[in-house]
Protein backbone atom coordinates (compact mmCIF):
# COMPACT_ATOMS: atom_id res chain seq x y z
CA MET A 1 0.00 0.00 0.00
CA LEU A 2 2.84 2.37 0.89
CA ARG A 3 4.60 1.54 -2.38
CA GLN A 4 1.43 2.10 -4.40
CA ILE A 5 0.99 5.57 -2.93
CA GLY A 6 4.60 6.58 -2.34
CA ILE A 7 5.94 5.90 -5.84
CA PRO A 8 3.29 7.97 -7.70
CA VAL A 9 3.62 10.83 -5.20
CA ALA A 10 7.41 10.75 -5.49
CA SER A 11 7.22 10.84 -9.29
CA VAL A 12 4.93 13.88 -9.16
CA LEU A 13 7.32 15.67 -6.78
CA VAL A 14 10.26 14.88 -9.06
CA PHE A 15 8.33 16.26 -12.03
CA LEU A 16 7.50 19.47 -10.18
CA GLY A 17 11.12 19.81 -9.06
CA LEU A 18 12.43 19.40 -12.62
CA TRP A 19 9.85 21.91 -13.83
CA GLU A 20 10.95 24.44 -11.19
CA LEU A 21 14.61 23.83 -12.07
CA LEU A 22 13.95 24.29 -15.79
CA VAL A 23 12.33 27.69 -15.22
CA TRP A 24 15.06 28.78 -12.79
CA VAL A 25 17.96 27.74 -15.05
CA ASN A 26 16.51 29.54 -18.07
CA GLY A 27 15.49 32.59 -16.03
CA TRP A 28 12.02 32.61 -17.54
CA PRO A 29 9.58 35.19 -16.10
CA ASN A 30 6.13 33.94 -15.15
CA PHE A 31 4.55 35.62 -18.18
CA LYS A 32 6.62 33.28 -20.34
CA MET A 33 6.62 30.08 -18.30
CA ALA A 34 5.10 29.85 -14.85
CA SER A 35 6.88 27.66 -12.31
CA PRO A 36 5.28 25.43 -9.65
CA SER A 37 6.10 28.07 -7.00
CA ASP A 38 3.94 30.56 -8.94
CA LEU A 39 0.84 28.39 -8.70
CA PRO A 40 -0.11 28.50 -4.97
CA PRO A 41 -0.87 32.27 -5.08
CA ALA A 42 -3.21 31.64 -8.02
CA TYR A 43 -5.02 28.86 -6.14
CA ILE A 44 -5.34 31.04 -3.04
CA ARG A 45 -6.61 34.04 -4.97
CA TYR A 46 -9.13 32.14 -7.12
CA TRP A 47 -9.97 29.21 -4.87
CA GLU A 48 -13.72 29.76 -5.11
CA LEU A 49 -13.57 29.82 -8.90
CA PHE A 50 -11.49 26.65 -8.93
CA LEU A 51 -14.07 24.86 -6.78
CA VAL A 52 -17.06 26.01 -8.85
CA MET A 53 -15.44 25.68 -12.26
CA GLY A 54 -13.74 22.41 -11.33
CA TRP A 55 -17.05 20.87 -10.29
CA GLN A 56 -18.69 22.01 -13.54
CA THR A 57 -15.93 20.43 -15.60
CA LEU A 58 -15.95 17.23 -13.54
CA TRP A 59 -19.68 16.49 -13.65
CA ARG A 60 -19.92 17.18 -17.39
CA THR A 61 -16.94 14.94 -18.03
CA VAL A 62 -18.38 12.13 -15.92
CA ALA A 63 -21.77 12.50 -17.63
CA GLY A 64 -20.17 12.33 -21.08
CA LEU A 65 -18.06 9.36 -20.03
CA ALA A 66 -21.10 7.52 -18.63
CA LEU A 67 -22.92 8.08 -21.92
CA ALA A 68 -19.85 6.84 -23.79
CA VAL A 69 -19.85 3.66 -21.68
CA LEU A 70 -23.52 2.96 -22.44
CA VAL A 71 -23.39 3.70 -26.17
CA GLY A 72 -19.88 2.33 -26.69
CA THR A 73 -20.75 -0.94 -24.96
CA ALA A 74 -23.94 -1.29 -27.00
CA ILE A 75 -22.09 -0.68 -30.29
CA GLY A 76 -19.31 -3.02 -29.20
CA MET A 77 -21.82 -5.78 -28.50
CA ILE A 78 -23.41 -5.31 -31.92
CA ILE A 79 -20.13 -5.44 -33.84
CA GLY A 80 -18.82 -8.21 -31.60
CA PHE A 81 -21.71 -10.59 -32.15
CA SER A 82 -22.46 -9.77 -35.79
CA ARG A 83 -19.91 -10.00 -38.61
CA ILE A 84 -22.21 -8.08 -40.94
CA ALA A 85 -22.65 -5.26 -38.41
CA ARG A 86 -18.87 -5.21 -37.85
CA ASP A 87 -18.15 -4.84 -41.55
CA ALA A 88 -20.79 -2.14 -41.88
CA LEU A 89 -20.02 -0.06 -38.78
CA TYR A 90 -16.22 -0.18 -38.57
CA PRO A 91 -15.61 2.18 -41.53
CA LEU A 92 -18.12 4.66 -40.08
CA LEU A 93 -16.57 4.48 -36.60
CA VAL A 94 -13.01 4.86 -37.88
CA GLY A 95 -13.98 7.70 -40.21
CA PHE A 96 -15.80 9.56 -37.45
CA ASN A 97 -12.94 9.08 -35.02
CA ALA A 98 -10.48 10.46 -37.60
CA ILE A 99 -12.31 13.81 -37.72
CA PRO A 100 -10.58 16.40 -35.47
CA LYS A 101 -13.11 17.00 -32.74
CA ALA A 102 -12.14 20.67 -32.45
CA THR A 103 -13.74 21.19 -35.86
CA LEU A 104 -17.03 19.83 -34.54
CA VAL A 105 -17.28 22.29 -31.64
CA PRO A 106 -18.64 25.23 -33.70
CA VAL A 107 -20.98 22.87 -35.57
CA ILE A 108 -22.45 21.49 -32.35
CA SER A 109 -22.64 24.96 -30.80
CA LEU A 110 -24.55 26.21 -33.85
CA ILE A 111 -26.98 23.30 -33.90
CA PHE A 112 -27.67 23.44 -30.15
CA ILE A 113 -27.44 27.17 -29.55
CA GLY A 114 -27.38 28.11 -25.87
CA GLN A 115 -27.29 24.48 -24.66
CA HIS A 116 -23.81 24.73 -23.16
CA ASP A 117 -24.14 21.86 -20.71
CA PHE A 118 -25.58 19.57 -23.37
CA ASN A 119 -22.92 20.58 -25.90
CA THR A 120 -20.12 19.93 -23.41
CA VAL A 121 -21.44 16.51 -22.38
CA LEU A 122 -22.02 15.61 -26.03
CA MET A 123 -18.45 16.48 -27.00
CA ALA A 124 -17.04 14.50 -24.05
CA PHE A 125 -19.11 11.54 -25.25
CA MET A 126 -18.17 11.88 -28.91
CA ILE A 127 -14.44 11.92 -28.22
CA SER A 128 -14.41 9.03 -25.73
CA PHE A 129 -16.83 6.33 -26.90
CA PHE A 130 -14.67 4.94 -29.73
CA PRO A 131 -12.06 3.06 -27.61
CA ILE A 132 -14.84 1.46 -25.56
CA ALA A 133 -16.79 0.32 -28.63
CA VAL A 134 -13.70 -1.14 -30.29
CA SER A 135 -12.41 -2.92 -27.17
CA VAL A 136 -15.78 -4.52 -26.40
CA GLY A 137 -16.23 -5.51 -30.04
CA ILE A 138 -12.78 -7.12 -30.22
CA GLY A 139 -13.29 -8.90 -26.91
CA LEU A 140 -16.58 -10.43 -28.03
CA SER A 141 -15.51 -11.25 -31.59
CA THR A 142 -12.47 -13.19 -30.35
CA LEU A 143 -14.53 -15.33 -27.97
CA GLU A 144 -13.46 -18.97 -28.25
CA PRO A 145 -16.22 -20.82 -30.20
CA GLU A 146 -15.70 -24.08 -28.30
CA TYR A 147 -16.91 -22.42 -25.10
CA ARG A 148 -20.10 -21.32 -26.78
CA ASP A 149 -20.59 -24.77 -28.33
CA ILE A 150 -20.24 -26.49 -24.96
CA LEU A 151 -22.75 -24.22 -23.25
CA ARG A 152 -25.18 -24.47 -26.15
CA SER A 153 -24.98 -28.25 -26.00
CA LEU A 154 -25.93 -27.96 -22.33
CA GLY A 155 -28.98 -25.88 -23.26
CA ALA A 156 -27.63 -22.47 -22.26
CA SER A 157 -29.35 -19.43 -23.71
CA ARG A 158 -27.54 -16.60 -25.52
CA PHE A 159 -27.94 -14.41 -22.44
CA THR A 160 -26.36 -17.11 -20.25
CA ILE A 161 -23.44 -17.46 -22.68
CA PHE A 162 -22.96 -13.70 -22.63
CA ARG A 163 -23.14 -13.48 -18.83
CA LYS A 164 -20.97 -16.52 -18.08
CA ILE A 165 -18.28 -16.22 -20.77
CA ALA A 166 -18.48 -13.17 -23.00
CA LEU A 167 -18.90 -10.55 -20.28
CA PRO A 168 -16.05 -11.73 -18.00
CA LYS A 169 -13.73 -12.14 -21.00
CA THR A 170 -14.46 -8.60 -22.20
CA LEU A 171 -14.02 -6.84 -18.84
CA PRO A 172 -10.19 -6.48 -18.96
CA GLU A 173 -10.36 -4.93 -22.45
CA PHE A 174 -13.28 -2.76 -21.38
CA PHE A 175 -11.48 -1.27 -18.38
CA GLY A 176 -8.31 -0.79 -20.43
CA ALA A 177 -10.30 1.26 -22.93
CA LEU A 178 -12.11 3.10 -20.14
CA LYS A 179 -8.78 4.34 -18.77
CA VAL A 180 -8.03 5.86 -22.18
CA SER A 181 -11.54 7.30 -22.50
CA VAL A 182 -11.22 9.11 -19.15
CA THR A 183 -8.50 11.41 -20.47
CA LEU A 184 -10.23 11.81 -23.83
CA ALA A 185 -13.45 12.87 -22.12
CA PHE A 186 -11.62 15.69 -20.34
CA ILE A 187 -10.23 16.85 -23.69
CA GLY A 188 -13.73 16.97 -25.16
CA THR A 189 -15.10 18.88 -22.19
CA ASN A 190 -12.39 21.51 -22.28
CA LEU A 191 -12.63 21.98 -26.04
CA VAL A 192 -16.17 23.29 -25.62
CA GLU A 193 -15.38 25.25 -22.46
CA ILE A 194 -12.51 27.08 -24.15
CA VAL A 195 -14.09 27.70 -27.55
CA SER A 196 -17.66 28.50 -26.52
CA PRO A 197 -18.30 32.21 -25.82
CA HIS A 198 -20.63 31.15 -23.00
CA GLY A 199 -18.23 28.55 -21.67
CA ARG A 200 -18.03 27.63 -18.04
CA GLY A 201 -15.69 25.32 -16.21
CA LEU A 202 -11.92 25.09 -15.98
CA GLY A 203 -11.59 25.58 -19.74
CA ALA A 204 -13.32 28.96 -19.46
CA LEU A 205 -11.09 29.85 -16.50
CA PHE A 206 -8.05 29.00 -18.63
CA LYS A 207 -9.37 31.22 -21.41
CA SER A 208 -9.88 34.03 -18.90
CA GLY A 209 -6.26 33.71 -17.76
CA GLU A 210 -5.10 33.79 -21.39
CA THR A 211 -7.17 36.90 -22.14
CA ASN A 212 -5.82 38.74 -19.09
CA GLY A 213 -2.24 37.53 -19.54
CA ASP A 214 -2.36 35.72 -16.20
CA TYR A 215 0.03 32.86 -16.93
CA PRO A 216 0.18 31.49 -13.38
CA LEU A 217 -3.61 31.13 -13.50
CA MET A 218 -3.39 29.32 -16.84
CA PHE A 219 -0.82 26.84 -15.55
CA ALA A 220 -2.78 26.43 -12.33
CA VAL A 221 -5.80 25.42 -14.42
CA LEU A 222 -3.71 22.89 -16.33
CA ILE A 223 -2.51 21.31 -13.09
CA ALA A 224 -6.09 21.26 -11.76
CA LEU A 225 -7.21 19.45 -14.91
CA ALA A 226 -4.37 16.97 -14.52
CA PHE A 227 -5.41 16.38 -10.91
CA LEU A 228 -9.04 15.71 -11.86
CA GLY A 229 -7.88 13.37 -14.62
CA ILE A 230 -5.72 11.41 -12.17
CA VAL A 231 -8.58 11.16 -9.67
CA LEU A 232 -11.00 9.86 -12.29
CA TYR A 233 -8.37 7.48 -13.67
CA TYR A 234 -7.78 5.90 -10.28
CA ALA A 235 -11.52 5.66 -9.74
CA VAL A 236 -11.58 3.47 -12.86
CA VAL A 237 -8.61 1.48 -11.52
CA TYR A 238 -10.55 0.89 -8.28
CA LEU A 239 -13.59 -0.35 -10.20
CA GLU A 240 -11.35 -2.55 -12.31
CA LYS A 241 -9.95 -4.24 -9.21
CA ILE A 242 -13.48 -4.91 -7.98
CA PHE A 243 -14.95 -6.29 -11.22
CA ALA A 244 -11.90 -7.57 -13.10
CA GLY A 245 -9.23 -8.04 -10.44
CA TRP A 246 -9.04 -11.71 -11.31
CA ALA A 247 -7.40 -10.84 -14.63
CA GLU A 248 -4.43 -9.09 -13.01
CA ARG A 249 -1.33 -11.24 -12.95
CA PRO A 250 0.92 -11.10 -9.87
CA GLN A 251 4.24 -9.40 -10.56
CA SER A 252 7.49 -10.76 -9.22
């Protein structure tokens, strides 16, 4: 337990120390490159904004990620169980995922004018569902046919086969994709918060710092986003240990 906590904390401290050293060695002023020592005053001065804006970013990201899990899992099940559906949907999924999501922000904002919360959740969903859909689809499509044949010979239904074999087999791939989708969802959320003129959340706070030339505030927002991403990532790791801990191999 001490190793699991101590090593990540130590790595973060080393990173912050190297960052501080880099700024000090180059003699960069904080309007060019803020250092870690410049960030505490920004947090103290704007702590209420960080709490309010941070919560707005977090709940929209979680909502978009939850929607991505539901839709991505459903699509993954369809392409995993049906070869025809897989051949039909894969080109569409790959093509959509190849589109830079930043180009979709003004389109979505124009279609759903004034619906900032909806637009933000939608973008978080759109940028994060693809890894989940692909991982679930691959996990189900590579299911060993002999397992299905044995259960079918014993009179098992399709739902029983899915619950007993397909679902447990897919869980490791699902949680692996979910870890990737967590960071992608934050990117989608902040794209809308930064670009939208009515944006709220940490992305809007970053934009405010950029407009006012407050570089310590901008870097403080980036660190806050990184912190929220780490928290959400380890929440997924915790769920993975509960539902798919059996798949983890002991390390020597």
